[in-house]
Amino acid sequence: MKIDLKTNIKAIIARSYVRIVAANREPSWWFTETLLPILSTAAYVYVYKALNAPEEYTGFVILGGTMSAYWIHVLWSMAAQFYWEKEIGNLELYMIAPISRMSILLGMASGGMFLATTRAVFIFLVGSLIFKVDFAIISLPKLFAVFVLTLVGLYGLGMLFSSLFMLYGREAWHGVTLLQEPVHLMSGFFFPVRNLGFAVALGASLIPMTLGLDAMRQLAFKTGAKSGFISADVEIAALVGLCVLFLVVSKYALEYMEKLGKKEGRLTLRWQ
């Protein structure tokens, strides 16, 4: 089956449009996705203030809370997405459509990023203003590059998880739940990851968020480099490698799981 670029671009736009419009049609999501998440972030800030921790730690928490919006979106709106699509009967339509499965996921990622960015910006702005975070950006181009690379790596990881969860039923739900909180710990969302020890931090570096957060803290705060795991330049290079790795592996994993699902008849609800 010949798949042309124009058709795939249309698929990306279509899947993006659905998610952007859905965010505007459900006003309650704006409340649950913006106001409520900042409460948990504020809790960590007050813990550090009670312990008389350095002021930079307040900024570390705000930055971690900001990026957590993307990790949660990757898990629930990317990794488990094909599970939801199978539940409502859309997955069969995706399988017979003359488009790449990656274009579907890319559309979901770009569209869903709208709501995730809304949550992230709200946490960042409100948290920074309320707690008076003092940023000292060392290199804006590097900081922006780290942010983009982190998102690309995260969504590449989400595509990989999506291919793995495509064949499973409710196990996908449990798998996503299992990954949520441990990664908050291992990636150092609310503290410098180097405090976990070199070996643990090195293993956690397979998650793009770990290196991304550490590099952003080094580039956004005066004393960020002192609490960094490794140098920001090395982390940027590692993020580039992770982006390529996850995007390539997710493509082949998606193709393999699709073939396996067709062979075993697990792309519909008959096995649930």
C-alpha atoms as a PDB file:
ATOM      1  CA  MET A   1       0.000   0.000   0.000  1.00  0.00           C
ATOM      2  CA  LYS A   2       1.531   3.291  -1.107  1.00  0.00           C
ATOM      3  CA  ILE A   3       1.500   5.968   1.551  1.00  0.00           C
ATOM      4  CA  ASP A   4       2.110   9.536   0.344  1.00  0.00           C
ATOM      5  CA  LEU A   5       3.327  12.491   2.345  1.00  0.00           C
ATOM      6  CA  LYS A   6       0.227  14.620   1.702  1.00  0.00           C
ATOM      7  CA  THR A   7      -2.086  11.998   3.199  1.00  0.00           C
ATOM      8  CA  ASN A   8       0.083  11.676   6.294  1.00  0.00           C
ATOM      9  CA  ILE A   9       0.170  15.440   6.784  1.00  0.00           C
ATOM     10  CA  LYS A  10      -3.632  15.493   6.621  1.00  0.00           C
ATOM     11  CA  ALA A  11      -3.741  12.730   9.241  1.00  0.00           C
ATOM     12  CA  ILE A  12      -1.417  14.682  11.540  1.00  0.00           C
ATOM     13  CA  ILE A  13      -3.533  17.829  11.226  1.00  0.00           C
ATOM     14  CA  ALA A  14      -6.761  15.895  11.765  1.00  0.00           C
ATOM     15  CA  ARG A  15      -5.585  14.204  14.952  1.00  0.00           C
ATOM     16  CA  SER A  16      -4.115  17.475  16.247  1.00  0.00           C
ATOM     17  CA  TYR A  17      -7.343  19.367  15.565  1.00  0.00           C
ATOM     18  CA  VAL A  18      -9.440  16.893  17.538  1.00  0.00           C
ATOM     19  CA  ARG A  19      -7.356  17.333  20.667  1.00  0.00           C
ATOM     20  CA  ILE A  20      -7.152  21.106  20.468  1.00  0.00           C
ATOM     21  CA  VAL A  21     -10.911  21.462  20.002  1.00  0.00           C
ATOM     22  CA  ALA A  22     -11.632  18.916  22.732  1.00  0.00           C
ATOM     23  CA  ALA A  23      -9.668  20.996  25.223  1.00  0.00           C
ATOM     24  CA  ASN A  24     -11.850  24.023  24.482  1.00  0.00           C
ATOM     25  CA  ARG A  25     -15.118  22.080  24.612  1.00  0.00           C
ATOM     26  CA  GLU A  26     -14.567  20.864  28.158  1.00  0.00           C
ATOM     27  CA  PRO A  27     -14.120  23.927  30.424  1.00  0.00           C
ATOM     28  CA  SER A  28     -13.616  21.774  33.526  1.00  0.00           C
ATOM     29  CA  TRP A  29     -10.340  20.535  32.070  1.00  0.00           C
ATOM     30  CA  TRP A  30      -8.903  24.035  32.312  1.00  0.00           C
ATOM     31  CA  PHE A  31      -9.550  23.968  36.040  1.00  0.00           C
ATOM     32  CA  THR A  32      -8.292  20.439  36.697  1.00  0.00           C
ATOM     33  CA  GLU A  33      -5.281  20.827  34.407  1.00  0.00           C
ATOM     34  CA  THR A  34      -4.102  24.234  35.645  1.00  0.00           C
ATOM     35  CA  LEU A  35      -5.207  25.145  39.154  1.00  0.00           C
ATOM     36  CA  LEU A  36      -5.120  21.757  40.886  1.00  0.00           C
ATOM     37  CA  PRO A  37      -1.596  20.694  39.784  1.00  0.00           C
ATOM     38  CA  ILE A  38      -0.037  23.789  41.295  1.00  0.00           C
ATOM     39  CA  LEU A  39      -1.221  22.701  44.754  1.00  0.00           C
ATOM     40  CA  SER A  40       1.064  19.656  44.804  1.00  0.00           C
ATOM     41  CA  THR A  41       3.927  21.784  43.502  1.00  0.00           C
ATOM     42  CA  ALA A  42       3.329  24.336  46.257  1.00  0.00           C
ATOM     43  CA  ALA A  43       3.476  21.567  48.867  1.00  0.00           C
ATOM     44  CA  TYR A  44       7.079  20.751  47.912  1.00  0.00           C
ATOM     45  CA  VAL A  45       7.975  24.440  47.968  1.00  0.00           C
ATOM     46  CA  TYR A  46       6.737  24.809  51.548  1.00  0.00           C
ATOM     47  CA  VAL A  47       8.623  21.673  52.592  1.00  0.00           C
ATOM     48  CA  TYR A  48      11.876  23.218  51.351  1.00  0.00           C
ATOM     49  CA  LYS A  49      11.049  26.529  53.002  1.00  0.00           C
ATOM     50  CA  ALA A  50      10.382  24.756  56.306  1.00  0.00           C
ATOM     51  CA  LEU A  51      13.782  23.074  56.028  1.00  0.00           C
ATOM     52  CA  ASN A  52      15.485  26.399  55.200  1.00  0.00           C
ATOM     53  CA  ALA A  53      16.790  24.966  51.948  1.00  0.00           C
ATOM     54  CA  PRO A  54      18.592  27.258  49.470  1.00  0.00           C
ATOM     55  CA  GLU A  55      16.295  29.550  47.505  1.00  0.00           C
ATOM     56  CA  GLU A  56      17.234  27.806  44.263  1.00  0.00           C
ATOM     57  CA  TYR A  57      15.338  24.732  45.420  1.00  0.00           C
ATOM     58  CA  THR A  58      12.090  26.667  45.129  1.00  0.00           C
ATOM     59  CA  GLY A  59      12.932  27.251  41.493  1.00  0.00           C
ATOM     60  CA  PHE A  60      13.862  23.594  41.076  1.00  0.00           C
ATOM     61  CA  VAL A  61      10.397  22.600  42.289  1.00  0.00           C
ATOM     62  CA  ILE A  62       8.582  25.085  40.048  1.00  0.00           C
ATOM     63  CA  LEU A  63      10.553  23.882  37.029  1.00  0.00           C
ATOM     64  CA  GLY A  64       9.875  20.256  37.927  1.00  0.00           C
ATOM     65  CA  GLY A  65       6.171  20.930  38.397  1.00  0.00           C
ATOM     66  CA  THR A  66       6.094  22.663  35.029  1.00  0.00           C
ATOM     67  CA  MET A  67       7.674  19.726  33.208  1.00  0.00           C
ATOM     68  CA  SER A  68       5.517  17.178  35.033  1.00  0.00           C
ATOM     69  CA  ALA A  69       2.606  18.343  32.871  1.00  0.00           C
ATOM     70  CA  TYR A  70       4.342  16.893  29.829  1.00  0.00           C
ATOM     71  CA  TRP A  71       5.250  13.610  31.499  1.00  0.00           C
ATOM     72  CA  ILE A  72       1.650  13.027  32.602  1.00  0.00           C
ATOM     73  CA  HIS A  73       0.451  13.851  29.106  1.00  0.00           C
ATOM     74  CA  VAL A  74       2.950  11.435  27.553  1.00  0.00           C
ATOM     75  CA  LEU A  75       1.698   8.639  29.809  1.00  0.00           C
ATOM     76  CA  TRP A  76      -2.050   9.131  29.648  1.00  0.00           C
ATOM     77  CA  SER A  77      -2.520  10.712  26.214  1.00  0.00           C
ATOM     78  CA  MET A  78       0.273   8.988  24.298  1.00  0.00           C
ATOM     79  CA  ALA A  79       1.359   5.705  25.872  1.00  0.00           C
ATOM     80  CA  ALA A  80      -2.154   4.475  26.632  1.00  0.00           C
ATOM     81  CA  GLN A  81      -3.847   6.141  23.671  1.00  0.00           C
ATOM     82  CA  PHE A  82      -4.129   3.101  21.410  1.00  0.00           C
ATOM     83  CA  TYR A  83      -5.693   1.261  24.343  1.00  0.00           C
ATOM     84  CA  TRP A  84      -8.422   3.912  24.541  1.00  0.00           C
ATOM     85  CA  GLU A  85      -8.832   3.841  20.767  1.00  0.00           C
ATOM     86  CA  LYS A  86      -9.298   0.073  20.855  1.00  0.00           C
ATOM     87  CA  GLU A  87     -11.905   0.459  23.603  1.00  0.00           C
ATOM     88  CA  ILE A  88     -14.061   2.744  21.459  1.00  0.00           C
ATOM     89  CA  GLY A  89     -13.444   0.904  18.190  1.00  0.00           C
ATOM     90  CA  ASN A  90     -11.197   3.404  16.418  1.00  0.00           C
ATOM     91  CA  LEU A  91      -8.063   1.267  16.329  1.00  0.00           C
ATOM     92  CA  GLU A  92      -9.411  -0.961  13.558  1.00  0.00           C
ATOM     93  CA  LEU A  93     -10.011   2.143  11.434  1.00  0.00           C
ATOM     94  CA  TYR A  94      -6.437   3.296  11.997  1.00  0.00           C
ATOM     95  CA  MET A  95      -5.107  -0.080  10.930  1.00  0.00           C
ATOM     96  CA  ILE A  96      -6.922  -0.092   7.576  1.00  0.00           C
ATOM     97  CA  ALA A  97      -6.347   3.586   6.786  1.00  0.00           C
ATOM     98  CA  PRO A  98      -3.672   4.285   4.105  1.00  0.00           C
ATOM     99  CA  ILE A  99      -1.509   6.268   6.526  1.00  0.00           C
ATOM    100  CA  SER A 100       1.495   5.692   8.714  1.00  0.00           C
ATOM    101  CA  ARG A 101       0.741   4.822  12.332  1.00  0.00           C
ATOM    102  CA  MET A 102       3.485   7.264  13.313  1.00  0.00           C
ATOM    103  CA  SER A 103       1.529  10.123  11.724  1.00  0.00           C
ATOM    104  CA  ILE A 104      -1.433   9.299  13.967  1.00  0.00           C
ATOM    105  CA  LEU A 105       0.768   9.396  17.042  1.00  0.00           C
ATOM    106  CA  LEU A 106       2.497  12.563  15.874  1.00  0.00           C
ATOM    107  CA  GLY A 107      -0.867  14.259  15.453  1.00  0.00           C
ATOM    108  CA  MET A 108      -1.935  13.139  18.915  1.00  0.00           C
ATOM    109  CA  ALA A 109       1.325  14.426  20.362  1.00  0.00           C
ATOM    110  CA  SER A 110       1.237  17.840  18.692  1.00  0.00           C
ATOM    111  CA  GLY A 111      -2.436  18.394  19.478  1.00  0.00           C
ATOM    112  CA  GLY A 112      -2.257  17.156  23.045  1.00  0.00           C
ATOM    113  CA  MET A 113       0.786  19.307  23.648  1.00  0.00           C
ATOM    114  CA  PHE A 114      -1.551  22.306  23.503  1.00  0.00           C
ATOM    115  CA  LEU A 115      -3.324  21.350  26.730  1.00  0.00           C
ATOM    116  CA  ALA A 116      -0.078  20.197  28.359  1.00  0.00           C
ATOM    117  CA  THR A 117       1.587  23.510  27.511  1.00  0.00           C
ATOM    118  CA  THR A 118      -1.359  25.426  28.960  1.00  0.00           C
ATOM    119  CA  ARG A 119      -0.920  23.584  32.237  1.00  0.00           C
ATOM    120  CA  ALA A 120       2.860  23.987  32.164  1.00  0.00           C
ATOM    121  CA  VAL A 121       2.755  27.725  31.457  1.00  0.00           C
ATOM    122  CA  PHE A 122       0.202  28.305  34.218  1.00  0.00           C
ATOM    123  CA  ILE A 123       2.279  26.428  36.804  1.00  0.00           C
ATOM    124  CA  PHE A 124       5.446  28.202  35.706  1.00  0.00           C
ATOM    125  CA  LEU A 125       4.039  31.736  35.706  1.00  0.00           C
ATOM    126  CA  VAL A 126       1.887  31.487  38.824  1.00  0.00           C
ATOM    127  CA  GLY A 127       4.506  29.539  40.768  1.00  0.00           C
ATOM    128  CA  SER A 128       7.281  31.935  39.793  1.00  0.00           C
ATOM    129  CA  LEU A 129       5.237  34.993  40.758  1.00  0.00           C
ATOM    130  CA  ILE A 130       3.846  33.666  44.038  1.00  0.00           C
ATOM    131  CA  PHE A 131       7.138  32.269  45.312  1.00  0.00           C
ATOM    132  CA  LYS A 132       9.312  34.955  43.677  1.00  0.00           C
ATOM    133  CA  VAL A 133      11.676  32.610  41.892  1.00  0.00           C
ATOM    134  CA  ASP A 134      14.944  34.253  40.878  1.00  0.00           C
ATOM    135  CA  PHE A 135      16.083  32.967  37.487  1.00  0.00           C
ATOM    136  CA  ALA A 136      19.576  33.604  36.148  1.00  0.00           C
ATOM    137  CA  ILE A 137      19.610  32.229  32.622  1.00  0.00           C
ATOM    138  CA  ILE A 138      23.141  31.407  31.513  1.00  0.00           C
ATOM    139  CA  SER A 139      22.398  30.589  27.872  1.00  0.00           C
ATOM    140  CA  LEU A 140      18.928  31.074  26.404  1.00  0.00           C
ATOM    141  CA  PRO A 141      19.658  29.178  23.139  1.00  0.00           C
ATOM    142  CA  LYS A 142      20.956  26.166  25.075  1.00  0.00           C
ATOM    143  CA  LEU A 143      18.012  26.325  27.465  1.00  0.00           C
ATOM    144  CA  PHE A 144      15.551  26.363  24.580  1.00  0.00           C
ATOM    145  CA  ALA A 145      17.410  23.527  22.848  1.00  0.00           C
ATOM    146  CA  VAL A 146      17.255  21.411  26.008  1.00  0.00           C
ATOM    147  CA  PHE A 147      13.522  22.062  26.350  1.00  0.00           C
ATOM    148  CA  VAL A 148      12.791  21.053  22.750  1.00  0.00           C
ATOM    149  CA  LEU A 149      15.038  17.984  22.891  1.00  0.00           C
ATOM    150  CA  THR A 150      13.423  16.897  26.148  1.00  0.00           C
ATOM    151  CA  LEU A 151       9.947  17.080  24.622  1.00  0.00           C
ATOM    152  CA  VAL A 152      11.029  15.246  21.463  1.00  0.00           C
ATOM    153  CA  GLY A 153      12.645  12.516  23.547  1.00  0.00           C
ATOM    154  CA  LEU A 154       9.625  12.251  25.836  1.00  0.00           C
ATOM    155  CA  TYR A 155       7.134  11.942  23.007  1.00  0.00           C
ATOM    156  CA  GLY A 156       9.412   9.445  21.272  1.00  0.00           C
ATOM    157  CA  LEU A 157       9.311   7.412  24.471  1.00  0.00           C
ATOM    158  CA  GLY A 158       5.534   7.842  24.536  1.00  0.00           C
ATOM    159  CA  MET A 159       5.290   6.449  21.003  1.00  0.00           C
ATOM    160  CA  LEU A 160       7.355   3.449  22.074  1.00  0.00           C
ATOM    161  CA  PHE A 161       5.078   2.821  25.051  1.00  0.00           C
ATOM    162  CA  SER A 162       2.056   3.246  22.795  1.00  0.00           C
ATOM    163  CA  SER A 163       3.221   0.405  20.568  1.00  0.00           C
ATOM    164  CA  LEU A 164       3.757  -1.826  23.593  1.00  0.00           C
ATOM    165  CA  PHE A 165       0.368  -1.038  25.118  1.00  0.00           C
ATOM    166  CA  MET A 166      -1.460  -1.384  21.793  1.00  0.00           C
ATOM    167  CA  LEU A 167      -1.999  -5.129  22.200  1.00  0.00           C
ATOM    168  CA  TYR A 168      -2.951  -5.065  25.851  1.00  0.00           C
ATOM    169  CA  GLY A 169      -6.224  -4.360  27.578  1.00  0.00           C
ATOM    170  CA  ARG A 170      -6.540  -3.061  31.097  1.00  0.00           C
ATOM    171  CA  GLU A 171      -2.882  -3.928  31.708  1.00  0.00           C
ATOM    172  CA  ALA A 172      -2.105  -0.715  29.827  1.00  0.00           C
ATOM    173  CA  TRP A 173      -3.956   1.271  32.504  1.00  0.00           C
ATOM    174  CA  HIS A 174      -1.993  -0.411  35.279  1.00  0.00           C
ATOM    175  CA  GLY A 175       1.262  -0.006  33.381  1.00  0.00           C
ATOM    176  CA  VAL A 176       0.759   3.732  32.985  1.00  0.00           C
ATOM    177  CA  THR A 177      -0.157   4.102  36.662  1.00  0.00           C
ATOM    178  CA  LEU A 178       2.940   2.139  37.635  1.00  0.00           C
ATOM    179  CA  LEU A 179       5.217   4.418  35.615  1.00  0.00           C
ATOM    180  CA  GLN A 180       3.862   7.745  36.851  1.00  0.00           C
ATOM    181  CA  GLU A 181       5.166   8.163  40.399  1.00  0.00           C
ATOM    182  CA  PRO A 182       8.468   6.197  40.156  1.00  0.00           C
ATOM    183  CA  VAL A 183       9.588   8.456  37.329  1.00  0.00           C
ATOM    184  CA  HIS A 184       8.784  11.516  39.446  1.00  0.00           C
ATOM    185  CA  LEU A 185      11.331  10.139  41.902  1.00  0.00           C
ATOM    186  CA  MET A 186      13.938   8.754  39.508  1.00  0.00           C
ATOM    187  CA  SER A 187      13.965  11.818  37.254  1.00  0.00           C
ATOM    188  CA  GLY A 188      14.333  14.262  40.136  1.00  0.00           C
ATOM    189  CA  PHE A 189      11.246  16.341  39.426  1.00  0.00           C
ATOM    190  CA  PHE A 190      11.472  18.127  42.775  1.00  0.00           C
ATOM    191  CA  PHE A 191      15.146  17.744  43.708  1.00  0.00           C
ATOM    192  CA  PRO A 192      18.556  17.450  41.991  1.00  0.00           C
ATOM    193  CA  VAL A 193      18.881  13.934  40.602  1.00  0.00           C
ATOM    194  CA  ARG A 194      22.522  13.677  41.679  1.00  0.00           C
ATOM    195  CA  ASN A 195      21.268  13.172  45.250  1.00  0.00           C
ATOM    196  CA  LEU A 196      20.170   9.677  44.233  1.00  0.00           C
ATOM    197  CA  GLY A 197      23.782   8.680  43.648  1.00  0.00           C
ATOM    198  CA  PHE A 198      25.732   8.385  40.417  1.00  0.00           C
ATOM    199  CA  ALA A 199      24.672   4.835  39.543  1.00  0.00           C
ATOM    200  CA  VAL A 200      20.948   5.476  40.056  1.00  0.00           C
ATOM    201  CA  ALA A 201      21.095   8.824  38.261  1.00  0.00           C
ATOM    202  CA  LEU A 202      22.924   7.212  35.345  1.00  0.00           C
ATOM    203  CA  GLY A 203      20.244   4.546  35.016  1.00  0.00           C
ATOM    204  CA  ALA A 204      17.497   7.165  35.266  1.00  0.00           C
ATOM    205  CA  SER A 205      19.159   9.074  32.426  1.00  0.00           C
ATOM    206  CA  LEU A 206      17.488   6.686  29.995  1.00  0.00           C
ATOM    207  CA  ILE A 207      14.397   8.800  30.647  1.00  0.00           C
ATOM    208  CA  PRO A 208      14.797  12.075  28.695  1.00  0.00           C
ATOM    209  CA  MET A 209      13.154  14.042  31.501  1.00  0.00           C
ATOM    210  CA  THR A 210      16.041  13.238  33.849  1.00  0.00           C
ATOM    211  CA  LEU A 211      18.730  14.833  31.710  1.00  0.00           C
ATOM    212  CA  GLY A 212      16.397  17.568  30.493  1.00  0.00           C
ATOM    213  CA  LEU A 213      15.457  18.796  33.958  1.00  0.00           C
ATOM    214  CA  ASP A 214      19.034  18.611  35.204  1.00  0.00           C
ATOM    215  CA  ALA A 215      20.340  20.588  32.224  1.00  0.00           C
ATOM    216  CA  MET A 216      17.581  23.213  32.474  1.00  0.00           C
ATOM    217  CA  ARG A 217      18.339  23.760  36.152  1.00  0.00           C
ATOM    218  CA  GLN A 218      22.011  24.219  35.376  1.00  0.00           C
ATOM    219  CA  LEU A 219      21.199  26.773  32.682  1.00  0.00           C
ATOM    220  CA  ALA A 220      18.447  28.666  34.530  1.00  0.00           C
ATOM    221  CA  PHE A 221      19.894  29.208  38.026  1.00  0.00           C
ATOM    222  CA  LYS A 222      23.126  30.704  39.362  1.00  0.00           C
ATOM    223  CA  THR A 223      24.079  27.703  41.480  1.00  0.00           C
ATOM    224  CA  GLY A 224      22.416  25.160  39.218  1.00  0.00           C
ATOM    225  CA  ALA A 225      25.716  23.806  37.922  1.00  0.00           C
ATOM    226  CA  LYS A 226      26.852  22.939  41.457  1.00  0.00           C
ATOM    227  CA  SER A 227      23.902  20.604  41.949  1.00  0.00           C
ATOM    228  CA  GLY A 228      24.031  19.206  38.419  1.00  0.00           C
ATOM    229  CA  PHE A 229      24.571  15.552  37.622  1.00  0.00           C
ATOM    230  CA  ILE A 230      26.918  16.038  34.660  1.00  0.00           C
ATOM    231  CA  SER A 231      27.705  19.078  32.516  1.00  0.00           C
ATOM    232  CA  ALA A 232      24.854  20.583  30.515  1.00  0.00           C
ATOM    233  CA  ASP A 233      26.741  20.162  27.222  1.00  0.00           C
ATOM    234  CA  VAL A 234      27.115  16.421  27.784  1.00  0.00           C
ATOM    235  CA  GLU A 235      23.435  16.175  28.700  1.00  0.00           C
ATOM    236  CA  ILE A 236      22.445  17.984  25.500  1.00  0.00           C
ATOM    237  CA  ALA A 237      24.457  15.507  23.432  1.00  0.00           C
ATOM    238  CA  ALA A 238      22.892  12.608  25.336  1.00  0.00           C
ATOM    239  CA  LEU A 239      19.406  14.023  24.732  1.00  0.00           C
ATOM    240  CA  VAL A 240      20.056  14.140  20.988  1.00  0.00           C
ATOM    241  CA  GLY A 241      21.025  10.468  21.124  1.00  0.00           C
ATOM    242  CA  LEU A 242      17.916   9.560  23.122  1.00  0.00           C
ATOM    243  CA  CYS A 243      15.661  11.421  20.680  1.00  0.00           C
ATOM    244  CA  VAL A 244      17.040   9.491  17.716  1.00  0.00           C
ATOM    245  CA  LEU A 245      16.971   6.206  19.634  1.00  0.00           C
ATOM    246  CA  PHE A 246      13.361   6.424  20.810  1.00  0.00           C
ATOM    247  CA  LEU A 247      11.969   7.686  17.509  1.00  0.00           C
ATOM    248  CA  VAL A 248      13.681   4.937  15.505  1.00  0.00           C
ATOM    249  CA  VAL A 249      12.902   2.164  17.990  1.00  0.00           C
ATOM    250  CA  SER A 250       9.273   3.275  18.329  1.00  0.00           C
ATOM    251  CA  LYS A 251       8.805   3.053  14.552  1.00  0.00           C
ATOM    252  CA  TYR A 252      10.036  -0.529  14.377  1.00  0.00           C
ATOM    253  CA  ALA A 253       8.253  -1.501  17.596  1.00  0.00           C
ATOM    254  CA  LEU A 254       4.977  -0.133  16.240  1.00  0.00           C
ATOM    255  CA  GLU A 255       5.358  -2.089  13.000  1.00  0.00           C
ATOM    256  CA  TYR A 256       6.255  -5.279  14.871  1.00  0.00           C
ATOM    257  CA  MET A 257       3.379  -4.994  17.333  1.00  0.00           C
ATOM    258  CA  GLU A 258       0.948  -4.280  14.503  1.00  0.00           C
ATOM    259  CA  LYS A 259       2.032  -7.429  12.650  1.00  0.00           C
ATOM    260  CA  LEU A 260       1.868  -9.454  15.858  1.00  0.00           C
ATOM    261  CA  GLY A 261      -1.571  -8.079  16.667  1.00  0.00           C
ATOM    262  CA  LYS A 262      -2.903  -8.943  13.215  1.00  0.00           C
ATOM    263  CA  LYS A 263      -1.441 -12.442  13.464  1.00  0.00           C
ATOM    264  CA  GLU A 264      -2.930 -13.124  16.897  1.00  0.00           C
ATOM    265  CA  GLY A 265      -6.141 -11.159  16.372  1.00  0.00           C
ATOM    266  CA  ARG A 266      -5.536  -8.786  19.270  1.00  0.00           C
ATOM    267  CA  LEU A 267      -6.342  -5.471  17.648  1.00  0.00           C
ATOM    268  CA  THR A 268     -10.027  -5.675  18.556  1.00  0.00           C
ATOM    269  CA  LEU A 269     -11.985  -6.204  21.775  1.00  0.00           C
ATOM    270  CA  ARG A 270     -12.436  -9.949  21.302  1.00  0.00           C
ATOM    271  CA  TRP A 271      -9.570 -10.728  23.708  1.00  0.00           C
ATOM    272  CA  GLN A 272     -10.793  -8.529  26.568  1.00  0.00           C
END
